Amino acid sequence: MNPSLVEMAKRSAEPIAALNAVLLPLAAGGRDGHGEDMARESDLVARLEEMIPAARRALDAAERRLLQLKK
């Protein structure tokens, strides 16, 4: 497999995994993996506001790299 493709996949996976770590417990009723209530809604919104742009940038970079590889 192309080493640059593997590296791109690793870089794009990190911010997406961080985002999922917040969204999945929220979807499960607002409790984390230990059954504890998640942070206040305002704290959660602040975390998501930081994470979503990072995940979007990682996906955009991955898409640009894939388009380059197709050429």
C-alpha atoms as a PDB file:
ATOM      1  CA  MET A   1       0.000   0.000   0.000  1.00  0.00           C
ATOM      2  CA  ASN A   2       1.126   3.532  -0.735  1.00  0.00           C
ATOM      3  CA  PRO A   3       2.929   4.896   2.373  1.00  0.00           C
ATOM      4  CA  SER A   4       1.595   8.422   1.854  1.00  0.00           C
ATOM      5  CA  LEU A   5      -1.946   7.061   1.682  1.00  0.00           C
ATOM      6  CA  VAL A   6      -1.449   5.225   4.972  1.00  0.00           C
ATOM      7  CA  GLU A   7      -0.069   8.374   6.612  1.00  0.00           C
ATOM      8  CA  MET A   8      -2.993  10.419   5.302  1.00  0.00           C
ATOM      9  CA  ALA A   9      -5.438   7.906   6.752  1.00  0.00           C
ATOM     10  CA  LYS A  10      -3.740   8.089  10.152  1.00  0.00           C
ATOM     11  CA  ARG A  11      -3.814  11.906  10.197  1.00  0.00           C
ATOM     12  CA  SER A  12      -7.486  12.063   9.244  1.00  0.00           C
ATOM     13  CA  ALA A  13      -8.504   9.377  11.746  1.00  0.00           C
ATOM     14  CA  GLU A  14      -7.243  11.186  14.859  1.00  0.00           C
ATOM     15  CA  PRO A  15      -9.596  14.214  14.844  1.00  0.00           C
ATOM     16  CA  ILE A  16     -12.505  12.043  13.753  1.00  0.00           C
ATOM     17  CA  ALA A  17     -11.878   9.635  16.627  1.00  0.00           C
ATOM     18  CA  ALA A  18     -11.791  12.552  19.068  1.00  0.00           C
ATOM     19  CA  LEU A  19     -15.091  13.812  17.706  1.00  0.00           C
ATOM     20  CA  ASN A  20     -16.647  10.354  17.989  1.00  0.00           C
ATOM     21  CA  ALA A  21     -15.478  10.122  21.599  1.00  0.00           C
ATOM     22  CA  VAL A  22     -17.823  13.020  22.352  1.00  0.00           C
ATOM     23  CA  LEU A  23     -20.674  12.280  19.958  1.00  0.00           C
ATOM     24  CA  LEU A  24     -21.146   8.578  20.648  1.00  0.00           C
ATOM     25  CA  PRO A  25     -21.793   8.959  24.397  1.00  0.00           C
ATOM     26  CA  LEU A  26     -24.081  11.872  23.638  1.00  0.00           C
ATOM     27  CA  ALA A  27     -26.067   9.674  21.265  1.00  0.00           C
ATOM     28  CA  ALA A  28     -26.228   7.029  24.004  1.00  0.00           C
ATOM     29  CA  GLY A  29     -28.154   9.326  26.308  1.00  0.00           C
ATOM     30  CA  GLY A  30     -25.458  11.699  27.506  1.00  0.00           C
ATOM     31  CA  ARG A  31     -23.472   9.280  29.609  1.00  0.00           C
ATOM     32  CA  ASP A  32     -19.838   8.421  29.153  1.00  0.00           C
ATOM     33  CA  GLY A  33     -18.467   4.885  29.084  1.00  0.00           C
ATOM     34  CA  HIS A  34     -18.510   4.739  32.886  1.00  0.00           C
ATOM     35  CA  GLY A  35     -22.163   5.703  33.310  1.00  0.00           C
ATOM     36  CA  GLU A  36     -21.346   9.242  34.407  1.00  0.00           C
ATOM     37  CA  ASP A  37     -23.297  12.228  33.118  1.00  0.00           C
ATOM     38  CA  MET A  38     -21.392  14.124  30.467  1.00  0.00           C
ATOM     39  CA  ALA A  39     -20.255  17.698  31.017  1.00  0.00           C
ATOM     40  CA  ARG A  40     -22.744  20.518  31.026  1.00  0.00           C
ATOM     41  CA  GLU A  41     -24.254  21.264  27.634  1.00  0.00           C
ATOM     42  CA  SER A  42     -22.290  24.506  27.260  1.00  0.00           C
ATOM     43  CA  ASP A  43     -19.013  22.657  27.856  1.00  0.00           C
ATOM     44  CA  LEU A  44     -19.993  20.022  25.333  1.00  0.00           C
ATOM     45  CA  VAL A  45     -20.882  22.644  22.732  1.00  0.00           C
ATOM     46  CA  ALA A  46     -17.529  24.355  23.270  1.00  0.00           C
ATOM     47  CA  ARG A  47     -15.657  21.066  22.790  1.00  0.00           C
ATOM     48  CA  LEU A  48     -17.597  20.281  19.622  1.00  0.00           C
ATOM     49  CA  GLU A  49     -16.969  23.766  18.237  1.00  0.00           C
ATOM     50  CA  GLU A  50     -13.239  23.020  18.476  1.00  0.00           C
ATOM     51  CA  MET A  51     -13.386  19.420  17.258  1.00  0.00           C
ATOM     52  CA  ILE A  52     -15.644  19.735  14.222  1.00  0.00           C
ATOM     53  CA  PRO A  53     -13.409  22.163  12.298  1.00  0.00           C
ATOM     54  CA  ALA A  54     -10.373  19.972  13.004  1.00  0.00           C
ATOM     55  CA  ALA A  55     -12.195  16.895  11.727  1.00  0.00           C
ATOM     56  CA  ARG A  56     -13.407  18.820   8.669  1.00  0.00           C
ATOM     57  CA  ARG A  57      -9.845  19.998   7.866  1.00  0.00           C
ATOM     58  CA  ALA A  58      -8.542  16.439   8.174  1.00  0.00           C
ATOM     59  CA  LEU A  59     -11.232  15.115   5.841  1.00  0.00           C
ATOM     60  CA  ASP A  60     -10.629  17.924   3.345  1.00  0.00           C
ATOM     61  CA  ALA A  61      -6.900  17.164   3.325  1.00  0.00           C
ATOM     62  CA  ALA A  62      -7.609  13.466   2.848  1.00  0.00           C
ATOM     63  CA  GLU A  63      -9.951  14.227  -0.041  1.00  0.00           C
ATOM     64  CA  ARG A  64      -7.370  16.483  -1.727  1.00  0.00           C
ATOM     65  CA  ARG A  65      -4.718  13.774  -1.364  1.00  0.00           C
ATOM     66  CA  LEU A  66      -7.029  11.122  -2.816  1.00  0.00           C
ATOM     67  CA  LEU A  67      -7.764  13.353  -5.802  1.00  0.00           C
ATOM     68  CA  GLN A  68      -4.017  13.786  -6.348  1.00  0.00           C
ATOM     69  CA  LEU A  69      -3.507  10.033  -6.235  1.00  0.00           C
ATOM     70  CA  LYS A  70      -6.232   9.494  -8.836  1.00  0.00           C
ATOM     71  CA  LYS A  71      -4.428  11.718 -11.366  1.00  0.00           C
END
